[in-house]
Amino acid sequence: MSNKLRAGIVGATGMVGQRFACLLENHPWFEVTVLAASKRSAGKSYKEAVGDKWKMDEPMPKKYEDMVVMDSDDIDAIGGKVDFVFCAVSLNKEDTKKLEEKYAKNEIPVVSNNSAHRHTDDVPMIIPEINGEHVKIIEAQRKRLGTKRGFIAVKPNCSIQSYVPALNALKEFGLEKVVVSTYQAISGAGKTFNDWPEMIDNVIPYIGGEEEKSEIEPLKIWGKIEGDKIVDAKSPVISAQCVRVAVANGHLATISVKFKNKPAKEQIIEKWNSYKADDLVLSLPSAPKQFIRYMEEPDRPQTNLDRDYEGGMGISMGRLREDVIFDYKFVGLSHNTLRGAAGGAVLSAEYLKATGYLTAK
């Protein structure tokens, strides 16, 4: 353990916090030393605090069962036990922003699953295979916060993972217009069928705030650092619809794209299958060896069959064909609580460690 960074999970009792706990159980670089949650859970063992609300398929790791949950607001006490924290709290946007900034200003780096800081100009929102260079903005953020090691980094919305990597691989052809519809699993709302029975045999055509995130967040990912902020890309124009479907895990998207320079179908498939992150990203423990794959079968990818590709960290594409309005249309799939949520945040933390931004105290 001495050579591992000490990690805290803030919001440890919720679904994403539970996923963090499972992913970090035997992590080679990080050791969980703090589980933190709301005041009503503080002082209880993790097993007692979670109670009958454990939502993972695998059992709660034994090593956490008797760990005493700390109060997320007790930052001074938590700071003495961790080198950094993962944040997955269930607070409103303003309270989340304040809490994460308190941690950062107390010299505790925050790797966040929350949306509160995704549009803060000097907070990097990273997918390491795409825009890892955005971590450089942390120096400007530290200057603003007045910190030496504290900062906030975030991962993007879970639903955009099913199409942004595929579009990123095709940027050289000039992305002009994108229409996307996402079919999102109930775990994205922190639910299972046991506690959301009204979702069985149902589709809900509304997820609050999701369409705005889906249209805007990719532009920050494709943006550039200019001075002390990340400036969003100007294109493509994205129109999104997001619906909740009766699926446990996995977000599927249907995408139509208009290019400035229309590629051949074979070029698109080659770009997807050959897409490679740089060697630093590929060396990270959670990184998929093949980030994007194209599936030739006419009925793939399927959520139930393909969401766990590359341990849930890869993106599956399929059904590429020409479109009568746009140039092409296709289908994408990602695992929302792995690549889209906790797994993506763990990969980001690994990247931050590898680039020197996460260090031992």
Protein backbone atom coordinates (compact mmCIF):
# COMPACT_ATOMS: atom_id res chain seq x y z
CA MET A 1 0.00 0.00 0.00
CA SER A 2 2.91 2.39 0.68
CA ASN A 3 3.45 3.04 -3.02
CA LYS A 4 -0.25 3.59 -3.74
CA LEU A 5 -2.05 6.92 -3.63
CA ARG A 6 -4.66 7.14 -0.88
CA ALA A 7 -8.10 7.74 -2.40
CA GLY A 8 -11.38 8.79 -0.86
CA ILE A 9 -14.84 8.18 -2.30
CA VAL A 10 -17.17 11.08 -1.52
CA GLY A 11 -20.75 9.96 -2.07
CA ALA A 12 -19.75 6.36 -1.43
CA THR A 13 -23.21 5.00 -0.62
CA GLY A 14 -24.87 5.87 -3.96
CA MET A 15 -24.81 3.74 -7.11
CA VAL A 16 -21.78 5.45 -8.67
CA GLY A 17 -20.00 5.46 -5.30
CA GLN A 18 -20.62 1.72 -5.06
CA ARG A 19 -19.21 1.25 -8.56
CA PHE A 20 -16.11 3.20 -7.49
CA ALA A 21 -15.73 0.91 -4.47
CA CYS A 22 -15.83 -2.20 -6.66
CA LEU A 23 -13.45 -0.84 -9.29
CA LEU A 24 -10.92 0.28 -6.69
CA GLU A 25 -11.01 -2.89 -4.55
CA ASN A 26 -7.74 -4.20 -5.99
CA HIS A 27 -6.50 -1.23 -7.98
CA PRO A 28 -2.73 -1.31 -8.56
CA TRP A 29 -2.24 2.46 -8.09
CA PHE A 30 -4.93 3.57 -5.63
CA GLU A 31 -6.01 2.39 -2.18
CA VAL A 32 -9.34 3.53 -0.75
CA THR A 33 -8.73 4.94 2.73
CA VAL A 34 -11.93 6.98 3.14
CA LEU A 35 -15.57 6.31 2.38
CA ALA A 36 -17.61 9.47 2.89
CA ALA A 37 -21.29 10.30 2.56
CA SER A 38 -24.02 12.47 4.12
CA LYS A 39 -24.40 13.12 7.82
CA ARG A 40 -27.10 10.44 8.11
CA SER A 41 -24.56 7.80 7.03
CA ALA A 42 -21.56 9.18 8.92
CA GLY A 43 -20.40 7.06 11.85
CA LYS A 44 -21.96 3.89 10.52
CA SER A 45 -20.09 1.00 8.96
CA TYR A 46 -20.26 1.02 5.17
CA LYS A 47 -22.34 -2.15 5.24
CA GLU A 48 -24.79 -0.59 7.69
CA ALA A 49 -24.94 2.73 5.81
CA VAL A 50 -25.71 1.10 2.48
CA GLY A 51 -28.10 -1.41 4.04
CA ASP A 52 -30.36 -3.07 1.48
CA LYS A 53 -29.51 -0.47 -1.19
CA TRP A 54 -26.44 -2.26 -2.61
CA LYS A 55 -27.02 -2.07 -6.38
CA MET A 56 -24.02 -3.81 -7.92
CA ASP A 57 -24.25 -7.33 -9.34
CA GLU A 58 -21.14 -8.34 -7.42
CA PRO A 59 -21.24 -8.41 -3.58
CA MET A 60 -19.88 -5.55 -1.51
CA PRO A 61 -16.10 -6.02 -1.16
CA LYS A 62 -15.31 -7.44 2.28
CA LYS A 63 -12.54 -4.89 2.85
CA TYR A 64 -15.10 -2.05 2.97
CA GLU A 65 -17.88 -3.67 5.00
CA ASP A 66 -16.61 -2.51 8.41
CA MET A 67 -14.99 0.73 7.27
CA VAL A 68 -16.62 3.63 9.14
CA VAL A 69 -18.25 6.17 6.82
CA MET A 70 -17.07 9.73 7.31
CA ASP A 71 -19.08 12.94 6.91
CA SER A 72 -18.41 14.42 3.47
CA ASP A 73 -18.34 17.90 5.03
CA ASP A 74 -15.57 16.96 7.49
CA ILE A 75 -12.91 17.98 5.01
CA ASP A 76 -10.14 18.58 7.54
CA ALA A 77 -10.41 15.03 8.91
CA ILE A 78 -10.72 13.51 5.45
CA GLY A 79 -7.74 15.52 4.20
CA GLY A 80 -5.47 13.82 6.70
CA LYS A 81 -6.33 10.40 5.32
CA VAL A 82 -6.27 10.88 1.53
CA ASP A 83 -4.09 12.14 -1.30
CA PHE A 84 -7.16 12.86 -3.47
CA VAL A 85 -10.86 12.05 -3.71
CA PHE A 86 -13.37 10.79 -6.23
CA CYS A 87 -16.64 12.70 -5.95
CA ALA A 88 -20.06 11.22 -6.75
CA VAL A 89 -22.40 13.12 -4.44
CA SER A 90 -26.15 13.52 -4.92
CA LEU A 91 -26.48 17.24 -4.23
CA ASN A 92 -27.84 20.10 -6.29
CA LYS A 93 -25.45 21.82 -8.67
CA GLU A 94 -24.56 24.80 -6.48
CA ASP A 95 -23.95 22.71 -3.35
CA THR A 96 -21.81 20.29 -5.38
CA LYS A 97 -19.73 23.15 -6.77
CA LYS A 98 -19.17 24.56 -3.30
CA LEU A 99 -18.24 21.17 -1.82
CA GLU A 100 -15.77 20.32 -4.59
CA GLU A 101 -14.14 23.75 -4.36
CA LYS A 102 -13.78 23.33 -0.58
CA TYR A 103 -11.87 20.10 -1.13
CA ALA A 104 -9.68 21.66 -3.81
CA LYS A 105 -8.94 24.76 -1.71
CA ASN A 106 -7.96 22.45 1.14
CA GLU A 107 -5.31 20.97 -1.19
CA ILE A 108 -7.29 17.80 -1.89
CA PRO A 109 -7.53 17.14 -5.65
CA VAL A 110 -11.02 16.15 -6.80
CA VAL A 111 -11.78 13.78 -9.69
CA SER A 112 -15.50 14.28 -10.14
CA ASN A 113 -18.30 12.29 -11.69
CA ASN A 114 -20.68 15.22 -11.18
CA SER A 115 -21.79 17.79 -13.76
CA ALA A 116 -21.47 20.89 -11.57
CA HIS A 117 -18.01 21.99 -12.79
CA ARG A 118 -18.14 20.69 -16.36
CA HIS A 119 -18.51 24.20 -17.73
CA THR A 120 -16.12 25.95 -15.37
CA ASP A 121 -13.62 27.49 -17.81
CA ASP A 122 -10.45 26.21 -16.14
CA VAL A 123 -11.71 22.75 -15.10
CA PRO A 124 -10.62 20.00 -17.52
CA MET A 125 -13.36 17.63 -18.67
CA ILE A 126 -11.39 14.74 -20.05
CA ILE A 127 -11.64 11.55 -22.00
CA PRO A 128 -7.95 10.56 -21.89
CA GLU A 129 -8.03 8.96 -25.35
CA ILE A 130 -9.33 12.21 -26.85
CA ASN A 131 -8.32 15.37 -24.98
CA GLY A 132 -5.84 14.43 -22.29
CA GLU A 133 -3.85 17.59 -23.05
CA HIS A 134 -6.60 19.61 -21.35
CA VAL A 135 -5.12 18.66 -17.96
CA LYS A 136 -2.61 21.46 -18.57
CA ILE A 137 -5.32 23.99 -17.65
CA ILE A 138 -4.97 22.79 -14.05
CA GLU A 139 -2.07 25.23 -13.57
CA ALA A 140 -4.40 28.16 -14.34
CA GLN A 141 -7.07 26.70 -12.08
CA ARG A 142 -4.63 26.34 -9.20
CA LYS A 143 -3.64 29.98 -9.67
CA ARG A 144 -7.29 31.03 -9.43
CA LEU A 145 -7.96 28.84 -6.39
CA GLY A 146 -4.69 29.79 -4.69
CA THR A 147 -3.63 26.17 -4.30
CA LYS A 148 -0.41 24.25 -4.78
CA ARG A 149 -1.82 20.74 -5.29
CA GLY A 150 -5.60 21.09 -5.04
CA PHE A 151 -7.72 21.15 -8.21
CA ILE A 152 -10.91 19.79 -9.77
CA ALA A 153 -11.06 17.58 -12.87
CA VAL A 154 -14.28 16.12 -14.23
CA LYS A 155 -15.42 13.44 -16.64
CA PRO A 156 -18.14 14.21 -19.18
CA ASN A 157 -21.74 13.09 -19.28
CA CYS A 158 -22.22 9.32 -19.50
CA SER A 159 -24.44 9.39 -22.59
CA ILE A 160 -21.96 11.17 -24.89
CA GLN A 161 -19.45 8.32 -24.56
CA SER A 162 -21.53 6.29 -27.00
CA TYR A 163 -20.96 8.69 -29.89
CA VAL A 164 -18.25 11.31 -29.18
CA PRO A 165 -15.32 8.84 -29.51
CA ALA A 166 -16.70 7.64 -32.85
CA LEU A 167 -17.12 11.21 -34.09
CA ASN A 168 -13.69 12.19 -32.81
CA ALA A 169 -12.12 9.47 -34.96
CA LEU A 170 -13.74 11.14 -38.01
CA LYS A 171 -12.84 14.78 -37.29
CA GLU A 172 -10.47 15.06 -40.24
CA PHE A 173 -13.44 14.79 -42.61
CA GLY A 174 -15.01 17.93 -41.14
CA LEU A 175 -17.93 17.30 -38.79
CA GLU A 176 -20.66 19.82 -39.65
CA LYS A 177 -24.00 18.59 -38.31
CA VAL A 178 -24.92 15.76 -35.95
CA VAL A 179 -28.33 14.47 -34.90
CA VAL A 180 -28.21 11.97 -32.05
CA SER A 181 -30.80 10.08 -30.02
CA THR A 182 -29.67 8.26 -26.89
CA TYR A 183 -31.49 5.32 -25.30
CA GLN A 184 -30.31 5.39 -21.71
CA ALA A 185 -30.28 2.71 -19.04
CA ILE A 186 -31.99 3.17 -15.70
CA SER A 187 -28.67 2.89 -13.82
CA GLY A 188 -27.93 6.33 -15.27
CA ALA A 189 -30.57 7.58 -12.84
CA GLY A 190 -29.04 5.54 -10.00
CA LYS A 191 -31.88 3.03 -10.19
CA THR A 192 -32.50 -0.69 -10.56
CA PHE A 193 -35.75 -2.36 -11.62
CA ASN A 194 -36.36 -3.28 -7.97
CA ASP A 195 -36.63 0.36 -6.92
CA TRP A 196 -38.05 1.71 -10.20
CA PRO A 197 -40.71 -0.84 -11.21
CA GLU A 198 -42.59 1.74 -13.30
CA MET A 199 -39.75 1.53 -15.84
CA ILE A 200 -40.54 -2.10 -16.66
CA ASP A 201 -42.14 -2.30 -20.11
CA ASN A 202 -41.75 1.46 -20.46
CA VAL A 203 -39.89 4.31 -22.17
CA ILE A 204 -39.77 7.82 -20.65
CA PRO A 205 -39.03 10.42 -23.36
CA TYR A 206 -37.41 12.95 -21.03
CA ILE A 207 -34.26 13.09 -18.89
CA GLY A 208 -33.84 16.46 -17.24
CA GLY A 209 -30.86 18.46 -18.54
CA GLU A 210 -29.52 15.56 -20.56
CA GLU A 211 -30.14 16.94 -24.03
CA GLU A 212 -28.39 20.22 -23.23
CA LYS A 213 -25.37 18.32 -21.89
CA SER A 214 -25.32 16.09 -24.96
CA GLU A 215 -25.26 19.06 -27.31
CA ILE A 216 -22.77 21.26 -25.47
CA GLU A 217 -20.25 19.03 -23.66
CA PRO A 218 -18.66 17.60 -26.84
CA LEU A 219 -17.72 21.13 -27.87
CA LYS A 220 -15.68 21.59 -24.70
CA ILE A 221 -13.99 18.23 -25.25
CA TRP A 222 -13.01 19.39 -28.75
CA GLY A 223 -12.08 22.88 -27.52
CA LYS A 224 -8.65 24.42 -27.03
CA ILE A 225 -6.81 25.97 -24.13
CA GLU A 226 -6.51 29.72 -24.67
CA GLY A 227 -4.81 31.55 -21.83
CA ASP A 228 -6.49 30.66 -18.55
CA LYS A 229 -9.54 28.87 -19.96
CA ILE A 230 -10.75 26.17 -22.32
CA VAL A 231 -12.63 27.68 -25.26
CA ASP A 232 -15.33 25.48 -26.80
CA ALA A 233 -15.11 24.34 -30.40
CA LYS A 234 -17.53 26.06 -32.78
CA SER A 235 -18.62 22.93 -34.62
CA PRO A 236 -20.28 20.57 -35.23
CA VAL A 237 -23.83 21.65 -34.51
CA ILE A 238 -25.40 18.87 -32.43
CA SER A 239 -29.11 18.18 -31.94
CA ALA A 240 -29.91 15.57 -29.27
CA GLN A 241 -32.89 13.71 -27.91
CA CYS A 242 -32.48 11.56 -24.79
CA VAL A 243 -34.91 8.92 -23.55
CA ARG A 244 -34.90 6.48 -20.65
CA VAL A 245 -35.45 2.85 -21.64
CA ALA A 246 -36.08 -0.41 -19.79
CA VAL A 247 -32.43 -1.51 -19.73
CA ALA A 248 -30.33 -2.07 -16.60
CA ASN A 249 -26.94 -0.88 -17.92
CA GLY A 250 -25.65 0.52 -21.19
CA HIS A 251 -26.44 3.65 -23.21
CA LEU A 252 -27.12 3.15 -26.91
CA ALA A 253 -27.16 5.99 -29.44
CA THR A 254 -28.33 6.41 -33.01
CA ILE A 255 -26.32 9.05 -34.87
CA SER A 256 -26.63 10.85 -38.21
CA VAL A 257 -23.74 12.96 -39.47
CA LYS A 258 -23.10 15.54 -42.21
CA PHE A 259 -19.44 15.99 -43.21
CA LYS A 260 -17.65 18.80 -44.99
CA ASN A 261 -15.72 16.17 -46.95
CA LYS A 262 -17.77 12.98 -47.13
CA PRO A 263 -15.58 9.89 -46.59
CA ALA A 264 -16.19 6.45 -48.02
CA LYS A 265 -17.83 3.90 -45.75
CA GLU A 266 -14.63 1.84 -45.75
CA GLN A 267 -12.66 4.87 -44.56
CA ILE A 268 -14.99 5.36 -41.61
CA ILE A 269 -14.73 1.74 -40.48
CA GLU A 270 -10.95 1.83 -40.85
CA LYS A 271 -10.73 5.00 -38.76
CA TRP A 272 -12.80 3.43 -35.99
CA ASN A 273 -11.02 0.10 -35.86
CA SER A 274 -7.55 1.65 -36.05
CA TYR A 275 -8.16 4.47 -33.57
CA LYS A 276 -5.40 4.37 -30.98
CA ALA A 277 -4.69 6.42 -27.92
CA ASP A 278 -1.12 7.45 -27.27
CA ASP A 279 1.25 5.10 -25.47
CA LEU A 280 0.81 6.85 -22.12
CA VAL A 281 -2.95 6.25 -22.13
CA LEU A 282 -2.55 2.66 -23.32
CA SER A 283 -0.23 1.99 -20.37
CA LEU A 284 -2.90 2.94 -17.81
CA PRO A 285 -4.44 0.05 -15.83
CA SER A 286 -8.04 0.80 -16.85
CA ALA A 287 -7.43 1.73 -20.49
CA PRO A 288 -9.01 -0.46 -23.18
CA LYS A 289 -6.56 -1.95 -25.65
CA GLN A 290 -8.93 -1.22 -28.53
CA PHE A 291 -11.00 1.85 -27.72
CA ILE A 292 -13.47 1.60 -30.64
CA ARG A 293 -14.59 -1.44 -32.63
CA TYR A 294 -16.96 -1.78 -35.57
CA MET A 295 -19.33 -4.75 -35.57
CA GLU A 296 -20.35 -6.05 -39.00
CA GLU A 297 -23.47 -7.96 -37.90
CA PRO A 298 -26.67 -6.13 -38.92
CA ASP A 299 -28.19 -6.38 -35.43
CA ARG A 300 -25.18 -5.25 -33.36
CA PRO A 301 -24.19 -3.68 -31.07
CA GLN A 302 -26.79 -4.90 -28.60
CA THR A 303 -26.89 -3.50 -25.09
CA ASN A 304 -27.07 -6.82 -23.27
CA LEU A 305 -24.42 -8.53 -25.40
CA ASP A 306 -21.90 -5.78 -26.00
CA ARG A 307 -21.89 -3.26 -23.12
CA ASP A 308 -19.03 -5.10 -21.35
CA TYR A 309 -16.62 -4.85 -24.30
CA GLU A 310 -13.08 -4.20 -23.01
CA GLY A 311 -14.30 -4.52 -19.43
CA GLY A 312 -16.98 -1.93 -20.10
CA MET A 313 -14.38 0.66 -21.14
CA GLY A 314 -14.61 0.23 -24.93
CA ILE A 315 -17.05 1.68 -27.46
CA SER A 316 -18.96 -0.54 -29.91
CA MET A 317 -20.19 0.77 -33.27
CA GLY A 318 -22.44 -0.77 -35.89
CA ARG A 319 -25.06 -0.37 -38.63
CA LEU A 320 -23.09 2.18 -40.66
CA ARG A 321 -25.04 3.14 -43.77
CA GLU A 322 -25.74 6.14 -45.99
CA ASP A 323 -28.51 8.51 -44.96
CA VAL A 324 -31.08 10.21 -47.21
CA ILE A 325 -30.80 13.56 -45.38
CA PHE A 326 -27.31 13.48 -43.84
CA ASP A 327 -24.25 11.64 -45.17
CA TYR A 328 -24.22 8.61 -42.87
CA LYS A 329 -26.07 7.10 -39.92
CA PHE A 330 -24.86 4.51 -37.42
CA VAL A 331 -25.32 3.11 -33.91
CA GLY A 332 -23.01 3.37 -30.90
CA LEU A 333 -22.96 1.73 -27.47
CA SER A 334 -21.10 2.35 -24.21
CA HIS A 335 -21.40 1.08 -20.64
CA ASN A 336 -22.76 4.03 -18.71
CA THR A 337 -21.53 3.26 -15.18
CA LEU A 338 -18.14 1.97 -16.34
CA ARG A 339 -16.82 4.03 -19.27
CA GLY A 340 -19.53 6.64 -18.67
CA ALA A 341 -19.22 7.16 -14.93
CA ALA A 342 -16.93 5.59 -12.32
CA GLY A 343 -14.66 3.74 -14.76
CA GLY A 344 -14.11 6.89 -16.79
CA ALA A 345 -13.24 8.80 -13.63
CA VAL A 346 -10.79 6.10 -12.50
CA LEU A 347 -9.12 6.21 -15.93
CA SER A 348 -8.92 10.00 -15.68
CA ALA A 349 -7.31 9.71 -12.24
CA GLU A 350 -4.77 7.26 -13.64
CA TYR A 351 -3.99 9.74 -16.40
CA LEU A 352 -3.64 12.57 -13.87
CA LYS A 353 -1.22 10.46 -11.84
CA ALA A 354 0.78 9.48 -14.93
CA THR A 355 1.09 13.15 -15.95
CA GLY A 356 2.15 14.27 -12.48
CA TYR A 357 -0.97 16.08 -11.32
CA LEU A 358 -1.95 13.52 -8.69
CA THR A 359 0.82 12.89 -6.18
CA ALA A 360 1.29 11.61 -2.65
CA LYS A 361 1.27 14.25 0.06
